Amino acid sequence: MKAKDKLIVALDADTLERAEELVDILSPEVDIFKVGIAPFTGFGERLLNKLREKGKKVFLDLKFHDIPNTVKNAASAAAQKGVFMINFHCLGGREMLKAAAIGAKEGAASHGKVAPILLGVTILTSMDEKSMHDLGMSGRINDKVIELASLAKGSGMNGVVASAQEAAKIKKSLGEDFIVVTPGVRPAGTAQGDQKRIVTPKQAIENGADYIVVGRPIIQAEDPLQAAKQIIAEIEE
């Protein structure tokens, strides 16, 4: 896999016009874009159409978490759109994740699409151990991530969304083929923002991440394309 194929840019823009502008600016270097809950709620279908027209891959980051039948239907609808990746909260449980896997497979097949990569969301990178304990989850955050990743794999997920701080342990426990997508990536010298368990792009890849998700350090940069190029160069190292 080329270095540029490991970068996912989060299109966390306030308007459709800005999101589309970013797609045009970044298209020479970026092939995968993440559409999260805010832009999808605001103008998601129009943005997905733009990305399709540009021949780009979509990580639909809606973090589904509901009863199994509802999530199955949502996964089917997402897969029908031909997205590259979709994700589901592991805390929804085994039955929900299994239903999601079935729904995604059925939805893709019904529309002649390639089945998307299915990811379980472990512990958000904006959370630390105290945040986890506040939710009533005891123990160490690393151990909980491995526990949830194991649940995801056993329920039909192709990988997980997790901090690169846990990526090496996930690969060791669940195999090199189990995909790790890492958010909370911050190039050296950029603001941490609301992320807590962060790493640099180079550290993320060295730790075993298959894909890294970068938002603000690129889309809020004075020159987004150059910022993306610099991150790709760091991945290549």
Protein backbone atom coordinates (compact mmCIF):
# COMPACT_ATOMS: atom_id res chain seq x y z
CA MET A 1 0.00 0.00 0.00
CA LYS A 2 1.36 3.43 -0.96
CA ALA A 3 1.82 6.07 1.73
CA LYS A 4 -0.95 8.26 0.27
CA ASP A 5 -3.37 5.32 0.45
CA LYS A 6 -2.97 5.25 4.24
CA LEU A 7 -4.19 8.82 4.75
CA ILE A 8 -7.86 9.58 5.39
CA VAL A 9 -8.82 13.25 5.57
CA ALA A 10 -11.76 14.17 7.79
CA LEU A 11 -14.07 16.60 5.97
CA ASP A 12 -15.27 18.31 9.13
CA ALA A 13 -16.33 21.48 7.34
CA ASP A 14 -19.17 23.79 8.39
CA THR A 15 -20.66 24.16 4.92
CA LEU A 16 -21.09 22.05 1.81
CA GLU A 17 -19.24 24.68 -0.21
CA ARG A 18 -16.17 24.47 2.01
CA ALA A 19 -16.26 20.66 2.06
CA GLU A 20 -16.44 20.55 -1.73
CA GLU A 21 -13.65 23.09 -2.00
CA LEU A 22 -11.45 20.93 0.25
CA VAL A 23 -12.15 17.87 -1.90
CA ASP A 24 -11.05 19.79 -5.00
CA ILE A 25 -7.93 21.15 -3.29
CA LEU A 26 -6.85 17.82 -1.82
CA SER A 27 -7.81 15.47 -4.65
CA PRO A 28 -4.35 15.45 -6.27
CA GLU A 29 -2.94 13.72 -3.16
CA VAL A 30 -5.85 12.34 -1.13
CA ASP A 31 -8.04 9.43 -2.18
CA ILE A 32 -9.99 8.66 1.02
CA PHE A 33 -12.21 11.16 2.82
CA LYS A 34 -14.09 10.73 6.09
CA VAL A 35 -17.63 12.06 6.32
CA GLY A 36 -18.67 12.30 9.96
CA ILE A 37 -21.93 12.88 11.75
CA ALA A 38 -21.91 16.70 11.55
CA PRO A 39 -21.37 17.12 7.78
CA PHE A 40 -23.52 14.07 7.02
CA THR A 41 -26.41 15.53 9.01
CA GLY A 42 -26.01 18.90 7.35
CA PHE A 43 -25.39 18.00 3.72
CA GLY A 44 -24.28 14.38 3.59
CA GLU A 45 -25.91 13.08 0.42
CA ARG A 46 -24.71 16.02 -1.65
CA LEU A 47 -21.19 15.59 -0.31
CA LEU A 48 -21.23 11.86 -1.06
CA ASN A 49 -22.28 12.68 -4.63
CA LYS A 50 -19.33 15.06 -4.94
CA LEU A 51 -16.94 12.39 -3.73
CA ARG A 52 -18.39 9.82 -6.12
CA GLU A 53 -17.98 12.25 -9.03
CA LYS A 54 -14.30 12.69 -8.10
CA GLY A 55 -13.79 8.93 -7.83
CA LYS A 56 -12.89 9.11 -4.15
CA LYS A 57 -13.38 6.54 -1.39
CA VAL A 58 -15.60 7.36 1.58
CA PHE A 59 -15.20 6.44 5.22
CA LEU A 60 -18.75 6.98 6.49
CA ASP A 61 -18.08 7.74 10.14
CA LEU A 62 -21.52 7.64 11.75
CA LYS A 63 -20.63 5.29 14.63
CA PHE A 64 -23.93 3.40 14.58
CA HIS A 65 -25.10 2.30 18.05
CA ASP A 66 -28.68 1.08 18.44
CA ILE A 67 -30.71 -2.11 18.67
CA PRO A 68 -29.51 -4.88 16.30
CA ASN A 69 -32.31 -4.62 13.73
CA THR A 70 -31.98 -0.84 13.42
CA VAL A 71 -28.22 -1.07 12.96
CA LYS A 72 -28.62 -3.89 10.45
CA ASN A 73 -30.88 -1.67 8.35
CA ALA A 74 -28.53 1.30 8.70
CA ALA A 75 -25.55 -0.83 7.65
CA SER A 76 -27.47 -2.07 4.63
CA ALA A 77 -28.38 1.48 3.60
CA ALA A 78 -24.77 2.63 3.99
CA ALA A 79 -23.41 -0.30 1.98
CA GLN A 80 -25.87 0.45 -0.82
CA LYS A 81 -24.16 3.84 -1.21
CA GLY A 82 -20.92 2.11 -2.12
CA VAL A 83 -18.88 3.53 0.76
CA PHE A 84 -15.39 2.22 1.47
CA MET A 85 -15.67 2.00 5.27
CA ILE A 86 -18.40 2.25 7.92
CA ASN A 87 -18.17 1.94 11.68
CA PHE A 88 -20.17 0.79 14.69
CA HIS A 89 -19.73 1.28 18.44
CA CYS A 90 -18.42 -1.94 20.00
CA LEU A 91 -20.34 -1.06 23.15
CA GLY A 92 -23.50 -1.88 21.20
CA GLY A 93 -22.59 -5.50 21.83
CA ARG A 94 -22.04 -8.74 19.96
CA GLU A 95 -25.56 -9.15 18.56
CA MET A 96 -25.59 -5.60 17.22
CA LEU A 97 -22.21 -6.03 15.52
CA LYS A 98 -23.23 -9.35 13.98
CA ALA A 99 -26.43 -7.77 12.67
CA ALA A 100 -24.38 -4.92 11.21
CA ALA A 101 -22.14 -7.36 9.34
CA ILE A 102 -25.17 -9.15 7.88
CA GLY A 103 -26.84 -5.88 6.90
CA ALA A 104 -23.74 -4.51 5.19
CA LYS A 105 -23.22 -7.70 3.20
CA GLU A 106 -26.86 -7.84 2.10
CA GLY A 107 -26.99 -4.15 1.23
CA ALA A 108 -23.85 -4.27 -0.89
CA ALA A 109 -24.97 -7.40 -2.73
CA SER A 110 -28.42 -5.98 -3.47
CA HIS A 111 -26.88 -3.04 -5.33
CA GLY A 112 -23.90 -4.76 -6.91
CA LYS A 113 -21.44 -2.93 -4.65
CA VAL A 114 -18.25 -4.17 -3.04
CA ALA A 115 -18.89 -4.82 0.65
CA PRO A 116 -17.38 -2.03 2.78
CA ILE A 117 -14.69 -2.45 5.41
CA LEU A 118 -16.52 -2.81 8.75
CA LEU A 119 -14.93 -1.21 11.79
CA GLY A 120 -15.73 -1.43 15.47
CA VAL A 121 -15.18 1.73 17.49
CA THR A 122 -13.31 0.87 20.70
CA ILE A 123 -12.57 3.79 23.04
CA LEU A 124 -12.71 7.30 21.55
CA THR A 125 -9.32 9.03 21.29
CA SER A 126 -10.84 12.04 23.07
CA MET A 127 -11.15 9.85 26.20
CA ASP A 128 -8.54 8.96 28.78
CA GLU A 129 -8.69 6.43 31.60
CA LYS A 130 -10.58 8.80 33.91
CA SER A 131 -13.20 9.40 31.21
CA MET A 132 -13.57 5.65 30.77
CA HIS A 133 -13.97 5.10 34.50
CA ASP A 134 -16.62 7.85 34.61
CA LEU A 135 -18.69 5.61 32.31
CA GLY A 136 -18.45 2.75 34.78
CA MET A 137 -15.76 0.82 32.90
CA SER A 138 -12.99 -0.35 35.22
CA GLY A 139 -9.43 -1.40 34.48
CA ARG A 140 -6.78 -0.07 32.14
CA ILE A 141 -7.74 1.60 28.88
CA ASN A 142 -5.34 -0.56 26.83
CA ASP A 143 -6.91 -3.74 28.16
CA LYS A 144 -10.43 -2.48 27.46
CA VAL A 145 -9.49 -1.61 23.87
CA ILE A 146 -8.15 -5.13 23.29
CA GLU A 147 -11.28 -6.62 24.83
CA LEU A 148 -13.53 -4.57 22.54
CA ALA A 149 -11.34 -5.26 19.50
CA SER A 150 -11.59 -8.99 20.18
CA LEU A 151 -15.38 -8.65 20.42
CA ALA A 152 -15.40 -6.80 17.10
CA LYS A 153 -13.36 -9.46 15.32
CA GLY A 154 -15.49 -12.27 16.71
CA SER A 155 -18.63 -10.47 15.53
CA GLY A 156 -17.64 -10.07 11.89
CA MET A 157 -15.85 -6.72 11.86
CA ASN A 158 -12.80 -6.35 9.60
CA GLY A 159 -11.01 -4.07 12.04
CA VAL A 160 -11.34 -1.32 14.60
CA VAL A 161 -11.00 2.38 15.14
CA ALA A 162 -8.47 2.83 17.94
CA SER A 163 -5.63 5.04 19.09
CA ALA A 164 -2.24 4.18 17.64
CA GLN A 165 -1.11 3.83 21.25
CA GLU A 166 -2.99 0.53 21.21
CA ALA A 167 -2.36 -0.47 17.58
CA ALA A 168 0.69 -2.66 18.17
CA LYS A 169 -1.06 -4.60 20.91
CA ILE A 170 -4.15 -5.07 18.72
CA LYS A 171 -2.03 -6.44 15.87
CA LYS A 172 -0.19 -8.78 18.22
CA SER A 173 -3.39 -10.06 19.80
CA LEU A 174 -5.67 -10.27 16.76
CA GLY A 175 -3.37 -10.63 13.77
CA GLU A 176 -1.72 -8.43 11.16
CA ASP A 177 -4.72 -8.72 8.83
CA PHE A 178 -7.06 -7.13 11.38
CA ILE A 179 -7.31 -3.49 10.27
CA VAL A 180 -6.54 -0.62 12.63
CA VAL A 181 -7.77 2.85 11.68
CA THR A 182 -6.25 5.54 13.86
CA PRO A 183 -7.81 8.96 14.57
CA GLY A 184 -6.27 11.47 16.96
CA VAL A 185 -3.21 11.89 14.73
CA ARG A 186 -1.38 15.17 15.14
CA PRO A 187 1.81 16.11 13.27
CA ALA A 188 4.55 17.47 15.54
CA GLY A 189 3.97 21.11 16.41
CA THR A 190 0.20 21.15 15.79
CA ALA A 191 -2.48 21.78 18.42
CA GLN A 192 -3.79 18.78 20.38
CA GLY A 193 -7.35 20.17 20.49
CA ASP A 194 -9.87 17.92 22.27
CA GLN A 195 -7.86 14.76 21.61
CA LYS A 196 -6.12 13.05 24.53
CA ARG A 197 -4.49 9.83 23.25
CA ILE A 198 -2.63 11.30 20.28
CA VAL A 199 0.41 10.31 18.20
CA THR A 200 2.26 11.68 15.17
CA PRO A 201 1.68 10.17 11.71
CA LYS A 202 5.07 8.46 11.80
CA GLN A 203 4.40 6.97 15.26
CA ALA A 204 0.97 5.74 14.15
CA ILE A 205 2.37 3.83 11.18
CA GLU A 206 5.31 2.48 13.19
CA ASN A 207 2.85 1.22 15.81
CA GLY A 208 0.92 -0.74 13.18
CA ALA A 209 -1.91 1.53 12.05
CA ASP A 210 -3.16 0.65 8.56
CA TYR A 211 -4.87 4.01 8.03
CA ILE A 212 -4.59 7.34 9.83
CA VAL A 213 -7.36 9.92 10.04
CA VAL A 214 -6.32 13.56 10.03
CA GLY A 215 -8.74 16.48 10.15
CA ARG A 216 -7.93 19.89 11.56
CA PRO A 217 -4.15 19.86 10.91
CA ILE A 218 -4.99 19.59 7.20
CA ILE A 219 -8.34 21.27 6.63
CA GLN A 220 -7.52 24.26 8.85
CA ALA A 221 -4.03 24.70 7.44
CA GLU A 222 -3.21 27.78 5.39
CA ASP A 223 -2.27 25.40 2.57
CA PRO A 224 -4.25 22.16 3.03
CA LEU A 225 -2.62 20.39 0.06
CA GLN A 226 0.87 21.10 1.33
CA ALA A 227 -0.13 19.94 4.83
CA ALA A 228 -1.39 16.67 3.33
CA LYS A 229 1.84 16.25 1.34
CA GLN A 230 3.92 16.72 4.47
CA ILE A 231 1.94 14.05 6.32
CA ILE A 232 2.27 11.65 3.39
CA ALA A 233 6.02 12.28 3.37
CA GLU A 234 6.14 11.52 7.10
CA ILE A 235 4.26 8.26 6.50
CA GLU A 236 6.81 7.32 3.82
CA GLU A 237 9.61 7.65 6.36
